[in-house]
C-alpha atoms as a PDB file:
ATOM      1  CA  MET A   1    -142.644 -81.223 -61.632  1.00  0.00           C
ATOM      2  CA  CYS A   2    -142.084 -84.119 -59.217  1.00  0.00           C
ATOM      3  CA  ASN A   3    -140.436 -87.445 -59.835  1.00  0.00           C
ATOM      4  CA  HIS A   4    -142.304 -89.568 -57.324  1.00  0.00           C
ATOM      5  CA  VAL A   5    -145.717 -89.651 -55.650  1.00  0.00           C
ATOM      6  CA  VAL A   6    -145.944 -91.527 -52.341  1.00  0.00           C
ATOM      7  CA  LEU A   7    -149.370 -92.488 -50.998  1.00  0.00           C
ATOM      8  CA  GLY A   8    -149.916 -93.133 -47.294  1.00  0.00           C
ATOM      9  CA  ALA A   9    -147.025 -90.848 -46.440  1.00  0.00           C
ATOM     10  CA  ASN A  10    -148.027 -90.457 -42.795  1.00  0.00           C
ATOM     11  CA  GLY A  11    -148.060 -94.219 -42.274  1.00  0.00           C
ATOM     12  CA  ARG A  12    -145.238 -96.438 -41.170  1.00  0.00           C
ATOM     13  CA  THR A  13    -144.169 -97.646 -44.610  1.00  0.00           C
ATOM     14  CA  GLY A  14    -145.087 -94.720 -46.839  1.00  0.00           C
ATOM     15  CA  SER A  15    -143.214 -92.300 -44.595  1.00  0.00           C
ATOM     16  CA  LYS A  16    -140.087 -94.447 -44.745  1.00  0.00           C
ATOM     17  CA  VAL A  17    -140.253 -94.641 -48.548  1.00  0.00           C
ATOM     18  CA  ALA A  18    -140.541 -90.852 -48.715  1.00  0.00           C
ATOM     19  CA  GLU A  19    -137.683 -90.366 -46.245  1.00  0.00           C
ATOM     20  CA  ILE A  20    -135.353 -92.555 -48.294  1.00  0.00           C
ATOM     21  CA  LEU A  21    -136.247 -90.828 -51.565  1.00  0.00           C
ATOM     22  CA  LEU A  22    -135.716 -87.367 -50.074  1.00  0.00           C
ATOM     23  CA  ALA A  23    -132.400 -88.410 -48.519  1.00  0.00           C
ATOM     24  CA  ARG A  24    -131.258 -89.452 -52.000  1.00  0.00           C
ATOM     25  CA  GLY A  25    -132.093 -86.064 -53.465  1.00  0.00           C
ATOM     26  CA  GLU A  26    -135.305 -87.050 -55.247  1.00  0.00           C
ATOM     27  CA  GLN A  27    -138.310 -84.788 -55.826  1.00  0.00           C
ATOM     28  CA  VAL A  28    -141.224 -86.245 -53.881  1.00  0.00           C
ATOM     29  CA  ARG A  29    -144.926 -85.490 -53.551  1.00  0.00           C
ATOM     30  CA  VAL A  30    -146.408 -87.008 -50.395  1.00  0.00           C
ATOM     31  CA  VAL A  31    -150.125 -87.691 -50.114  1.00  0.00           C
ATOM     32  CA  SER A  32    -152.189 -88.295 -47.001  1.00  0.00           C
ATOM     33  CA  ARG A  33    -155.755 -87.774 -45.810  1.00  0.00           C
ATOM     34  CA  HIS A  34    -154.544 -85.035 -43.470  1.00  0.00           C
ATOM     35  CA  MET A  35    -151.504 -82.752 -43.462  1.00  0.00           C
ATOM     36  CA  ASP A  36    -150.810 -83.816 -39.875  1.00  0.00           C
ATOM     37  CA  GLY A  37    -147.654 -85.882 -39.735  1.00  0.00           C
ATOM     38  CA  LEU A  38    -146.240 -84.580 -43.027  1.00  0.00           C
ATOM     39  CA  ALA A  39    -144.417 -81.552 -41.618  1.00  0.00           C
ATOM     40  CA  GLU A  40    -141.088 -83.331 -41.205  1.00  0.00           C
ATOM     41  CA  LEU A  41    -141.192 -84.582 -44.805  1.00  0.00           C
ATOM     42  CA  VAL A  42    -142.054 -81.088 -46.044  1.00  0.00           C
ATOM     43  CA  LYS A  43    -139.157 -79.721 -43.983  1.00  0.00           C
ATOM     44  CA  HIS A  44    -136.858 -82.011 -45.970  1.00  0.00           C
ATOM     45  CA  GLY A  45    -138.189 -80.853 -49.317  1.00  0.00           C
ATOM     46  CA  ALA A  46    -141.351 -82.835 -50.025  1.00  0.00           C
ATOM     47  CA  GLU A  47    -144.435 -81.354 -51.651  1.00  0.00           C
ATOM     48  CA  ALA A  48    -147.473 -82.318 -49.565  1.00  0.00           C
ATOM     49  CA  ILE A  49    -151.066 -82.834 -50.671  1.00  0.00           C
ATOM     50  CA  ALA A  50    -154.058 -83.673 -48.477  1.00  0.00           C
ATOM     51  CA  ALA A  51    -156.474 -85.941 -50.341  1.00  0.00           C
ATOM     52  CA  ARG A  52    -159.029 -88.550 -49.357  1.00  0.00           C
ATOM     53  CA  LEU A  53    -158.367 -91.632 -51.439  1.00  0.00           C
ATOM     54  CA  GLU A  54    -162.065 -92.522 -51.465  1.00  0.00           C
ATOM     55  CA  ASP A  55    -162.913 -89.159 -53.073  1.00  0.00           C
ATOM     56  CA  GLU A  56    -162.490 -89.406 -56.842  1.00  0.00           C
ATOM     57  CA  ARG A  57    -162.343 -85.640 -57.344  1.00  0.00           C
ATOM     58  CA  GLU A  58    -159.597 -85.159 -54.761  1.00  0.00           C
ATOM     59  CA  MET A  59    -157.638 -88.034 -56.307  1.00  0.00           C
ATOM     60  CA  ALA A  60    -157.838 -86.722 -59.862  1.00  0.00           C
ATOM     61  CA  HIS A  61    -154.694 -84.565 -59.803  1.00  0.00           C
ATOM     62  CA  ILE A  62    -152.369 -86.191 -57.273  1.00  0.00           C
ATOM     63  CA  PHE A  63    -150.257 -87.873 -59.994  1.00  0.00           C
ATOM     64  CA  LEU A  64    -149.979 -84.729 -62.128  1.00  0.00           C
ATOM     65  CA  ASP A  65    -146.501 -84.407 -63.731  1.00  0.00           C
ATOM     66  CA  ALA A  66    -145.181 -87.455 -61.842  1.00  0.00           C
ATOM     67  CA  SER A  67    -143.290 -90.282 -63.491  1.00  0.00           C
ATOM     68  CA  THR A  68    -143.413 -92.892 -60.703  1.00  0.00           C
ATOM     69  CA  ALA A  69    -145.758 -93.742 -57.837  1.00  0.00           C
ATOM     70  CA  PHE A  70    -145.692 -95.752 -54.627  1.00  0.00           C
ATOM     71  CA  LEU A  71    -149.154 -97.160 -53.914  1.00  0.00           C
ATOM     72  CA  ILE A  72    -150.719 -98.464 -50.738  1.00  0.00           C
ATOM     73  CA  ILE A  73    -154.311 -99.113 -49.649  1.00  0.00           C
ATOM     74  CA  PRO A  74    -154.993 -98.097 -46.035  1.00  0.00           C
ATOM     75  CA  PRO A  75    -156.155-100.874 -43.697  1.00  0.00           C
ATOM     76  CA  ILE A  76    -159.623-101.163 -42.227  1.00  0.00           C
ATOM     77  CA  LYS A  77    -159.702 -99.833 -38.673  1.00  0.00           C
ATOM     78  CA  TYR A  78    -160.964-102.145 -35.927  1.00  0.00           C
ATOM     79  CA  THR A  79    -162.740 -99.308 -34.138  1.00  0.00           C
ATOM     80  CA  ASP A  80    -164.482 -97.707 -37.111  1.00  0.00           C
ATOM     81  CA  ALA A  81    -168.121 -98.843 -37.085  1.00  0.00           C
ATOM     82  CA  ASP A  82    -168.530 -97.658 -40.677  1.00  0.00           C
ATOM     83  CA  SER A  83    -165.549 -99.558 -42.027  1.00  0.00           C
ATOM     84  CA  ASP A  84    -165.986-102.333 -44.531  1.00  0.00           C
ATOM     85  CA  PHE A  85    -164.214-103.588 -47.621  1.00  0.00           C
ATOM     86  CA  THR A  86    -166.442-101.449 -49.870  1.00  0.00           C
ATOM     87  CA  GLY A  87    -164.354 -98.431 -48.951  1.00  0.00           C
ATOM     88  CA  GLN A  88    -161.138-100.216 -49.897  1.00  0.00           C
ATOM     89  CA  GLU A  89    -162.664-101.242 -53.241  1.00  0.00           C
ATOM     90  CA  ILE A  90    -163.530 -97.613 -53.930  1.00  0.00           C
ATOM     91  CA  ILE A  91    -160.005 -96.509 -53.025  1.00  0.00           C
ATOM     92  CA  SER A  92    -158.514 -99.134 -55.336  1.00  0.00           C
ATOM     93  CA  ARG A  93    -160.697 -98.020 -58.250  1.00  0.00           C
ATOM     94  CA  ASN A  94    -159.953 -94.338 -57.612  1.00  0.00           C
ATOM     95  CA  ILE A  95    -156.205 -94.935 -57.548  1.00  0.00           C
ATOM     96  CA  VAL A  96    -156.363 -96.833 -60.824  1.00  0.00           C
ATOM     97  CA  ALA A  97    -158.584 -94.189 -62.450  1.00  0.00           C
ATOM     98  CA  ALA A  98    -156.176 -91.426 -61.432  1.00  0.00           C
ATOM     99  CA  LEU A  99    -153.220 -93.400 -62.776  1.00  0.00           C
ATOM    100  CA  ARG A 100    -154.979 -93.988 -66.111  1.00  0.00           C
ATOM    101  CA  SER A 101    -155.292 -90.240 -66.653  1.00  0.00           C
ATOM    102  CA  SER A 102    -151.691 -89.518 -65.618  1.00  0.00           C
ATOM    103  CA  GLN A 103    -148.257 -89.803 -67.197  1.00  0.00           C
ATOM    104  CA  VAL A 104    -146.992 -92.207 -64.533  1.00  0.00           C
ATOM    105  CA  ARG A 105    -145.264 -95.140 -66.195  1.00  0.00           C
ATOM    106  CA  TYR A 106    -143.580 -96.848 -63.229  1.00  0.00           C
ATOM    107  CA  VAL A 107    -145.540 -98.053 -60.211  1.00  0.00           C
ATOM    108  CA  VAL A 108    -144.455 -99.808 -57.012  1.00  0.00           C
ATOM    109  CA  ASN A 109    -147.481-101.286 -55.257  1.00  0.00           C
ATOM    110  CA  LEU A 110    -147.309-102.576 -51.679  1.00  0.00           C
ATOM    111  CA  SER A 111    -149.257-105.815 -51.405  1.00  0.00           C
ATOM    112  CA  SER A 112    -148.988-108.873 -49.160  1.00  0.00           C
ATOM    113  CA  LEU A 113    -147.957-112.478 -49.168  1.00  0.00           C
ATOM    114  CA  GLY A 114    -151.146-114.434 -49.734  1.00  0.00           C
ATOM    115  CA  ALA A 115    -152.582-112.005 -52.297  1.00  0.00           C
ATOM    116  CA  VAL A 116    -152.422-114.627 -55.013  1.00  0.00           C
ATOM    117  CA  CYS A 117    -155.905-115.398 -56.340  1.00  0.00           C
ATOM    118  CA  GLU A 118    -159.528-114.318 -56.277  1.00  0.00           C
ATOM    119  CA  ASP A 119    -160.623-117.175 -54.018  1.00  0.00           C
ATOM    120  CA  THR A 120    -158.321-116.041 -51.206  1.00  0.00           C
ATOM    121  CA  ILE A 121    -160.989-115.032 -48.716  1.00  0.00           C
ATOM    122  CA  ALA A 122    -159.223-114.827 -45.359  1.00  0.00           C
ATOM    123  CA  PRO A 123    -158.357-111.233 -44.405  1.00  0.00           C
ATOM    124  CA  THR A 124    -154.969-110.910 -42.778  1.00  0.00           C
ATOM    125  CA  PRO A 125    -154.449-108.701 -39.717  1.00  0.00           C
ATOM    126  CA  LEU A 126    -152.347-105.657 -40.272  1.00  0.00           C
ATOM    127  CA  LEU A 127    -149.414-107.002 -42.240  1.00  0.00           C
ATOM    128  CA  LEU A 128    -148.619-103.873 -44.196  1.00  0.00           C
ATOM    129  CA  VAL A 129    -149.009-100.476 -42.637  1.00  0.00           C
ATOM    130  CA  ASN A 130    -150.353 -98.638 -39.616  1.00  0.00           C
ATOM    131  CA  ARG A 131    -151.776-100.309 -36.554  1.00  0.00           C
ATOM    132  CA  GLY A 132    -155.395-100.958 -35.737  1.00  0.00           C
ATOM    133  CA  GLY A 133    -156.552-102.469 -39.025  1.00  0.00           C
ATOM    134  CA  PHE A 134    -156.322-105.204 -41.604  1.00  0.00           C
ATOM    135  CA  HIS A 135    -156.619-105.998 -45.305  1.00  0.00           C
ATOM    136  CA  ASP A 136    -158.588-108.475 -47.353  1.00  0.00           C
ATOM    137  CA  LEU A 137    -156.075-110.529 -49.333  1.00  0.00           C
ATOM    138  CA  ALA A 138    -158.522-111.073 -52.196  1.00  0.00           C
ATOM    139  CA  LEU A 139    -158.986-107.313 -52.469  1.00  0.00           C
ATOM    140  CA  LEU A 140    -155.227-106.789 -52.632  1.00  0.00           C
ATOM    141  CA  TRP A 141    -155.084-109.337 -55.454  1.00  0.00           C
ATOM    142  CA  ARG A 142    -157.865-107.528 -57.338  1.00  0.00           C
ATOM    143  CA  HIS A 143    -155.993-104.260 -56.839  1.00  0.00           C
ATOM    144  CA  GLU A 144    -152.896-105.824 -58.389  1.00  0.00           C
ATOM    145  CA  GLU A 145    -154.939-106.980 -61.383  1.00  0.00           C
ATOM    146  CA  ARG A 146    -156.525-103.555 -61.895  1.00  0.00           C
ATOM    147  CA  ILE A 147    -153.095-101.910 -61.985  1.00  0.00           C
ATOM    148  CA  ASN A 148    -151.837-104.549 -64.402  1.00  0.00           C
ATOM    149  CA  GLU A 149    -154.601-103.591 -66.834  1.00  0.00           C
ATOM    150  CA  ILE A 150    -153.447 -99.962 -67.170  1.00  0.00           C
ATOM    151  CA  PRO A 151    -151.904 -99.591 -70.653  1.00  0.00           C
ATOM    152  CA  GLY A 152    -148.240 -98.630 -70.769  1.00  0.00           C
ATOM    153  CA  VAL A 153    -147.624 -98.868 -67.008  1.00  0.00           C
ATOM    154  CA  ASN A 154    -144.766-100.948 -65.633  1.00  0.00           C
ATOM    155  CA  VAL A 155    -145.529-102.237 -62.145  1.00  0.00           C
ATOM    156  CA  VAL A 156    -143.836-104.255 -59.440  1.00  0.00           C
ATOM    157  CA  HIS A 157    -146.042-105.611 -56.666  1.00  0.00           C
ATOM    158  CA  ILE A 158    -144.112-106.030 -53.415  1.00  0.00           C
ATOM    159  CA  ARG A 159    -145.760-108.864 -51.490  1.00  0.00           C
ATOM    160  CA  ALA A 160    -144.504-108.405 -47.949  1.00  0.00           C
ATOM    161  CA  GLY A 161    -144.679-110.694 -44.941  1.00  0.00           C
ATOM    162  CA  PHE A 162    -145.625-109.829 -41.359  1.00  0.00           C
ATOM    163  CA  PHE A 163    -143.922-106.591 -40.357  1.00  0.00           C
ATOM    164  CA  MET A 164    -141.576-106.956 -37.393  1.00  0.00           C
ATOM    165  CA  GLU A 165    -142.399-103.406 -36.388  1.00  0.00           C
ATOM    166  CA  GLU A 166    -145.901-104.447 -35.346  1.00  0.00           C
ATOM    167  CA  LEU A 167    -144.194-105.897 -32.271  1.00  0.00           C
ATOM    168  CA  LEU A 168    -143.052-102.448 -31.165  1.00  0.00           C
ATOM    169  CA  ASP A 169    -146.591-101.877 -29.915  1.00  0.00           C
ATOM    170  CA  GLN A 170    -145.713-104.429 -27.245  1.00  0.00           C
ATOM    171  CA  VAL A 171    -142.991-102.319 -25.593  1.00  0.00           C
ATOM    172  CA  GLN A 172    -145.273-100.965 -22.866  1.00  0.00           C
ATOM    173  CA  VAL A 173    -146.864-104.373 -22.284  1.00  0.00           C
ATOM    174  CA  ALA A 174    -143.437-105.950 -21.873  1.00  0.00           C
ATOM    175  CA  ALA A 175    -142.355-103.224 -19.445  1.00  0.00           C
ATOM    176  CA  LYS A 176    -145.517-103.229 -17.318  1.00  0.00           C
ATOM    177  CA  MET A 177    -146.583-106.873 -17.420  1.00  0.00           C
ATOM    178  CA  GLY A 178    -143.505-108.857 -18.431  1.00  0.00           C
ATOM    179  CA  LEU A 179    -145.369-110.234 -21.441  1.00  0.00           C
ATOM    180  CA  ILE A 180    -145.436-110.235 -25.210  1.00  0.00           C
ATOM    181  CA  MET A 181    -149.112-110.697 -26.111  1.00  0.00           C
ATOM    182  CA  PHE A 182    -150.679-111.674 -29.438  1.00  0.00           C
ATOM    183  CA  PRO A 183    -153.650-113.846 -30.461  1.00  0.00           C
ATOM    184  CA  LEU A 184    -151.202-116.090 -32.319  1.00  0.00           C
ATOM    185  CA  LYS A 185    -149.937-119.529 -31.406  1.00  0.00           C
ATOM    186  CA  GLY A 186    -146.475-119.214 -29.966  1.00  0.00           C
ATOM    187  CA  HIS A 187    -144.930-122.048 -31.976  1.00  0.00           C
ATOM    188  CA  VAL A 188    -146.249-121.051 -35.430  1.00  0.00           C
ATOM    189  CA  ALA A 189    -143.453-119.511 -37.498  1.00  0.00           C
ATOM    190  CA  LEU A 190    -144.386-116.548 -39.695  1.00  0.00           C
ATOM    191  CA  PRO A 191    -142.492-114.928 -42.571  1.00  0.00           C
ATOM    192  CA  MET A 192    -141.346-111.679 -40.960  1.00  0.00           C
ATOM    193  CA  VAL A 193    -139.737-108.701 -42.634  1.00  0.00           C
ATOM    194  CA  SER A 194    -138.774-105.210 -41.536  1.00  0.00           C
ATOM    195  CA  LEU A 195    -140.685-102.308 -43.049  1.00  0.00           C
ATOM    196  CA  TRP A 196    -137.301-100.582 -43.428  1.00  0.00           C
ATOM    197  CA  ASP A 197    -136.199-103.331 -45.832  1.00  0.00           C
ATOM    198  CA  VAL A 198    -139.476-103.043 -47.735  1.00  0.00           C
ATOM    199  CA  ALA A 199    -139.187 -99.262 -47.949  1.00  0.00           C
ATOM    200  CA  ALA A 200    -135.589 -99.502 -49.171  1.00  0.00           C
ATOM    201  CA  VAL A 201    -136.520-101.957 -51.924  1.00  0.00           C
ATOM    202  CA  ALA A 202    -139.472 -99.791 -52.953  1.00  0.00           C
ATOM    203  CA  ALA A 203    -137.271 -96.691 -53.161  1.00  0.00           C
ATOM    204  CA  ASP A 204    -134.669 -98.551 -55.237  1.00  0.00           C
ATOM    205  CA  TYR A 205    -137.340 -99.599 -57.709  1.00  0.00           C
ATOM    206  CA  LEU A 206    -138.761 -96.068 -57.936  1.00  0.00           C
ATOM    207  CA  ILE A 207    -135.372 -94.496 -58.584  1.00  0.00           C
ATOM    208  CA  GLY A 208    -133.929 -97.246 -60.775  1.00  0.00           C
ATOM    209  CA  ARG A 209    -137.036 -97.911 -62.895  1.00  0.00           C
ATOM    210  CA  ASN A 210    -135.358-101.160 -63.869  1.00  0.00           C
ATOM    211  CA  PHE A 211    -138.511-103.230 -64.314  1.00  0.00           C
ATOM    212  CA  ARG A 212    -140.806-103.819 -67.263  1.00  0.00           C
ATOM    213  CA  GLY A 213    -144.296-105.173 -67.562  1.00  0.00           C
ATOM    214  CA  HIS A 214    -145.973-106.698 -64.500  1.00  0.00           C
ATOM    215  CA  CYS A 215    -143.682-108.130 -61.813  1.00  0.00           C
ATOM    216  CA  VAL A 216    -144.128-109.636 -58.352  1.00  0.00           C
ATOM    217  CA  PHE A 217    -141.379-109.325 -55.749  1.00  0.00           C
ATOM    218  CA  GLU A 218    -141.893-111.365 -52.596  1.00  0.00           C
ATOM    219  CA  MET A 219    -140.402-110.107 -49.337  1.00  0.00           C
ATOM    220  CA  PRO A 220    -140.919-112.786 -46.681  1.00  0.00           C
ATOM    221  CA  GLY A 221    -137.892-111.651 -44.713  1.00  0.00           C
ATOM    222  CA  ILE A 222    -134.752-113.624 -44.084  1.00  0.00           C
ATOM    223  CA  ARG A 223    -136.502-116.488 -42.293  1.00  0.00           C
ATOM    224  CA  ASP A 224    -139.751-117.504 -40.632  1.00  0.00           C
ATOM    225  CA  VAL A 225    -139.914-116.742 -36.914  1.00  0.00           C
ATOM    226  CA  SER A 226    -142.313-117.764 -34.145  1.00  0.00           C
ATOM    227  CA  MET A 227    -143.585-115.528 -31.370  1.00  0.00           C
ATOM    228  CA  GLU A 228    -141.918-117.750 -28.788  1.00  0.00           C
ATOM    229  CA  GLU A 229    -138.525-117.315 -30.455  1.00  0.00           C
ATOM    230  CA  ILE A 230    -138.994-113.559 -30.720  1.00  0.00           C
ATOM    231  CA  THR A 231    -139.877-113.372 -27.038  1.00  0.00           C
ATOM    232  CA  ARG A 232    -136.725-115.304 -26.086  1.00  0.00           C
ATOM    233  CA  LEU A 233    -134.571-112.962 -28.185  1.00  0.00           C
ATOM    234  CA  ILE A 234    -136.170-109.860 -26.686  1.00  0.00           C
ATOM    235  CA  ALA A 235    -135.867-111.283 -23.152  1.00  0.00           C
ATOM    236  CA  ARG A 236    -132.144-111.694 -23.684  1.00  0.00           C
ATOM    237  CA  GLU A 237    -131.707-108.173 -25.079  1.00  0.00           C
ATOM    238  CA  ILE A 238    -133.626-106.481 -22.249  1.00  0.00           C
ATOM    239  CA  ASN A 239    -131.956-108.731 -19.673  1.00  0.00           C
ATOM    240  CA  ASN A 240    -135.251-110.070 -18.371  1.00  0.00           C
ATOM    241  CA  PRO A 241    -135.295-113.894 -18.408  1.00  0.00           C
ATOM    242  CA  ASP A 242    -138.821-113.803 -16.941  1.00  0.00           C
ATOM    243  CA  LEU A 243    -140.347-112.215 -20.051  1.00  0.00           C
ATOM    244  CA  VAL A 244    -142.832-114.714 -21.500  1.00  0.00           C
ATOM    245  CA  TYR A 245    -145.087-115.013 -24.514  1.00  0.00           C
ATOM    246  CA  PHE A 246    -148.813-115.088 -23.837  1.00  0.00           C
ATOM    247  CA  GLU A 247    -151.215-116.294 -26.520  1.00  0.00           C
ATOM    248  CA  VAL A 248    -154.404-114.289 -26.106  1.00  0.00           C
ATOM    249  CA  PRO A 249    -157.223-116.876 -26.165  1.00  0.00           C
ATOM    250  CA  ARG A 250    -159.779-116.514 -28.925  1.00  0.00           C
ATOM    251  CA  LYS A 251    -162.652-115.908 -26.482  1.00  0.00           C
ATOM    252  CA  GLN A 252    -160.664-113.290 -24.571  1.00  0.00           C
ATOM    253  CA  LEU A 253    -159.810-111.480 -27.798  1.00  0.00           C
ATOM    254  CA  GLU A 254    -163.466-111.510 -28.808  1.00  0.00           C
ATOM    255  CA  ALA A 255    -164.537-110.156 -25.410  1.00  0.00           C
ATOM    256  CA  GLN A 256    -161.934-107.367 -25.536  1.00  0.00           C
ATOM    257  CA  LEU A 257    -163.063-106.312 -28.995  1.00  0.00           C
ATOM    258  CA  LEU A 258    -166.708-106.282 -27.942  1.00  0.00           C
ATOM    259  CA  HIS A 259    -165.789-104.198 -24.899  1.00  0.00           C
ATOM    260  CA  SER A 260    -164.055-101.662 -27.160  1.00  0.00           C
ATOM    261  CA  HIS A 261    -167.219-101.431 -29.307  1.00  0.00           C
ATOM    262  CA  THR A 262    -165.639-103.009 -32.367  1.00  0.00           C
ATOM    263  CA  PRO A 263    -168.399-103.855 -34.871  1.00  0.00           C
ATOM    264  CA  ARG A 264    -169.445-107.511 -34.821  1.00  0.00           C
ATOM    265  CA  SER A 265    -168.712-107.901 -38.524  1.00  0.00           C
ATOM    266  CA  LEU A 266    -165.121-106.767 -38.029  1.00  0.00           C
ATOM    267  CA  ILE A 267    -164.687-108.992 -34.981  1.00  0.00           C
ATOM    268  CA  ASP A 268    -165.621-112.027 -37.058  1.00  0.00           C
ATOM    269  CA  LEU A 269    -163.173-110.991 -39.768  1.00  0.00           C
ATOM    270  CA  LEU A 270    -160.374-110.493 -37.259  1.00  0.00           C
ATOM    271  CA  LEU A 271    -161.019-113.877 -35.646  1.00  0.00           C
ATOM    272  CA  ASN A 272    -160.908-115.486 -39.084  1.00  0.00           C
ATOM    273  CA  ALA A 273    -157.670-113.653 -39.764  1.00  0.00           C
ATOM    274  CA  THR A 274    -155.980-114.989 -36.627  1.00  0.00           C
ATOM    275  CA  ASP A 275    -157.165-118.476 -37.544  1.00  0.00           C
ATOM    276  CA  PHE A 276    -155.582-117.984 -40.969  1.00  0.00           C
ATOM    277  CA  LEU A 277    -152.223-117.016 -39.485  1.00  0.00           C
ATOM    278  CA  ASN A 278    -152.351-119.742 -36.840  1.00  0.00           C
ATOM    279  CA  SER A 279    -152.908-122.327 -39.559  1.00  0.00           C
ATOM    280  CA  GLY A 280    -149.652-121.297 -41.247  1.00  0.00           C
ATOM    281  CA  GLY A 281    -151.575-119.838 -44.175  1.00  0.00           C
ATOM    282  CA  LEU A 282    -149.259-116.874 -44.743  1.00  0.00           C
ATOM    283  CA  LYS A 283    -146.600-118.326 -47.029  1.00  0.00           C
ATOM    284  CA  HIS A 284    -144.230-117.231 -49.743  1.00  0.00           C
ATOM    285  CA  ARG A 285    -144.499-119.040 -53.075  1.00  0.00           C
ATOM    286  CA  HIS A 286    -140.916-118.723 -54.266  1.00  0.00           C
ATOM    287  CA  PRO A 287    -137.528-119.490 -52.701  1.00  0.00           C
ATOM    288  CA  ARG A 288    -135.988-116.691 -50.680  1.00  0.00           C
ATOM    289  CA  VAL A 289    -133.376-114.624 -52.472  1.00  0.00           C
ATOM    290  CA  ASN A 290    -130.620-112.332 -51.249  1.00  0.00           C
ATOM    291  CA  THR A 291    -132.901-109.323 -51.598  1.00  0.00           C
ATOM    292  CA  ALA A 292    -135.457-110.739 -49.146  1.00  0.00           C
ATOM    293  CA  GLY A 293    -134.110-108.265 -46.590  1.00  0.00           C
ATOM    294  CA  HIS A 294    -131.113-107.373 -44.473  1.00  0.00           C
ATOM    295  CA  ILE A 295    -132.642-106.778 -41.054  1.00  0.00           C
ATOM    296  CA  THR A 296    -132.682-109.993 -39.054  1.00  0.00           C
ATOM    297  CA  ILE A 297    -135.012-110.718 -36.167  1.00  0.00           C
ATOM    298  CA  GLU A 298    -131.932-110.538 -33.925  1.00  0.00           C
ATOM    299  CA  LYS A 299    -131.272-106.960 -35.076  1.00  0.00           C
ATOM    300  CA  PHE A 300    -134.906-106.123 -34.541  1.00  0.00           C
ATOM    301  CA  ALA A 301    -134.763-107.498 -30.988  1.00  0.00           C
ATOM    302  CA  LYS A 302    -131.976-104.999 -30.259  1.00  0.00           C
ATOM    303  CA  ARG A 303    -134.153-102.193 -31.586  1.00  0.00           C
ATOM    304  CA  PHE A 304    -137.046-103.379 -29.409  1.00  0.00           C
ATOM    305  CA  ALA A 305    -134.704-103.354 -26.427  1.00  0.00           C
ATOM    306  CA  SER A 306    -133.610 -99.809 -27.224  1.00  0.00           C
ATOM    307  CA  GLN A 307    -137.213 -98.581 -27.221  1.00  0.00           C
ATOM    308  CA  TYR A 308    -137.893-100.633 -24.098  1.00  0.00           C
ATOM    309  CA  ARG A 309    -135.044 -98.920 -22.242  1.00  0.00           C
ATOM    310  CA  GLU A 310    -136.221 -95.528 -23.501  1.00  0.00           C
ATOM    311  CA  HIS A 311    -139.695 -96.284 -22.180  1.00  0.00           C
ATOM    312  CA  GLU A 312    -138.216 -97.242 -18.812  1.00  0.00           C
ATOM    313  CA  ARG A 313    -136.261 -93.994 -18.732  1.00  0.00           C
ATOM    314  CA  GLN A 314    -139.301 -91.907 -19.643  1.00  0.00           C
ATOM    315  CA  SER A 315    -141.423 -93.722 -17.067  1.00  0.00           C
ATOM    316  CA  SER A 316    -138.962 -92.712 -14.374  1.00  0.00           C
ATOM    317  CA  CYS A 317    -139.346 -89.091 -15.520  1.00  0.00           C
ATOM    318  CA  PRO A 318    -143.118 -88.413 -15.655  1.00  0.00           C
ATOM    319  CA  GLU A 319    -142.667 -84.944 -17.088  1.00  0.00           C
ATOM    320  CA  LEU A 320    -141.108 -86.526 -20.198  1.00  0.00           C
ATOM    321  CA  SER A 321    -143.426 -89.488 -20.637  1.00  0.00           C
ATOM    322  CA  SER A 322    -145.848 -87.623 -22.913  1.00  0.00           C
ATOM    323  CA  GLU A 323    -143.000 -87.048 -25.348  1.00  0.00           C
ATOM    324  CA  TRP A 324    -142.195 -90.718 -25.802  1.00  0.00           C
ATOM    325  CA  PRO A 325    -142.694 -91.530 -29.526  1.00  0.00           C
ATOM    326  CA  GLY A 326    -144.787 -94.576 -28.720  1.00  0.00           C
ATOM    327  CA  ASN A 327    -147.435 -92.305 -27.194  1.00  0.00           C
ATOM    328  CA  ARG A 328    -147.876 -90.191 -30.284  1.00  0.00           C
END
């Protein structure tokens, strides 16, 4: 018997949700495509199951005996030539089918700001979990609606903003080139939130079960932040006033993706996604509340600086560089 099932447990957000639940003494079943990356959670008491979310038979029993579930749809990978939104649709339907045949009555579903209606057609680059992929906002909205239709299930959809932690992929770039690089306009402010805040809210909902019916909880973070402001904050924390923000031009981004053999269809979607963000399209619909998060962009800049200094230390000791977490 387990209390909670956590999907995507080897990803950035799912793993944090599982960690928090286990630290609070909860019984947790973690689910991932592969057992790789789940060892630490198992060490702390989790039950682990390997299941492909797109395989209906493998999904059939993952919610057995559980009372709550944390749901997440994996992003499409830029480098996967076979990736398309059909796979995500199948995963959504399989998750819902498995829930219908289970005893789960409380669901926390990770969604995104912008997943508000069927005619939302712009996919948003990697706002939720894992790097190297993105979600279709309309698909996330349809997933919400499918869950809402399950009889007797109480669900809260957490619509999160842009994850600050995506910027941690820039540590090596900042150290080697003195740049923070994104295909986003430097002055456009985005609603940014820490995945740690999202995971903490999700865990509270799973343990407390203090919601009824179908609810939406927006998490845009404490305030909107631009890439230029983030770069200034990081420059101050790493004591490098020469650190600058570089907006990767659209044509350069397209050329880089072509060079890495990204499928043309996905390149077009990614370019549309950056246009969507650059237009200020990622917005929250309701006023921010106290539970929007606790981790400020200033606190995150200190964390970035800590990883930056660790990278510098590892780089000065080549025999240790392969052990740096950012390389795993």
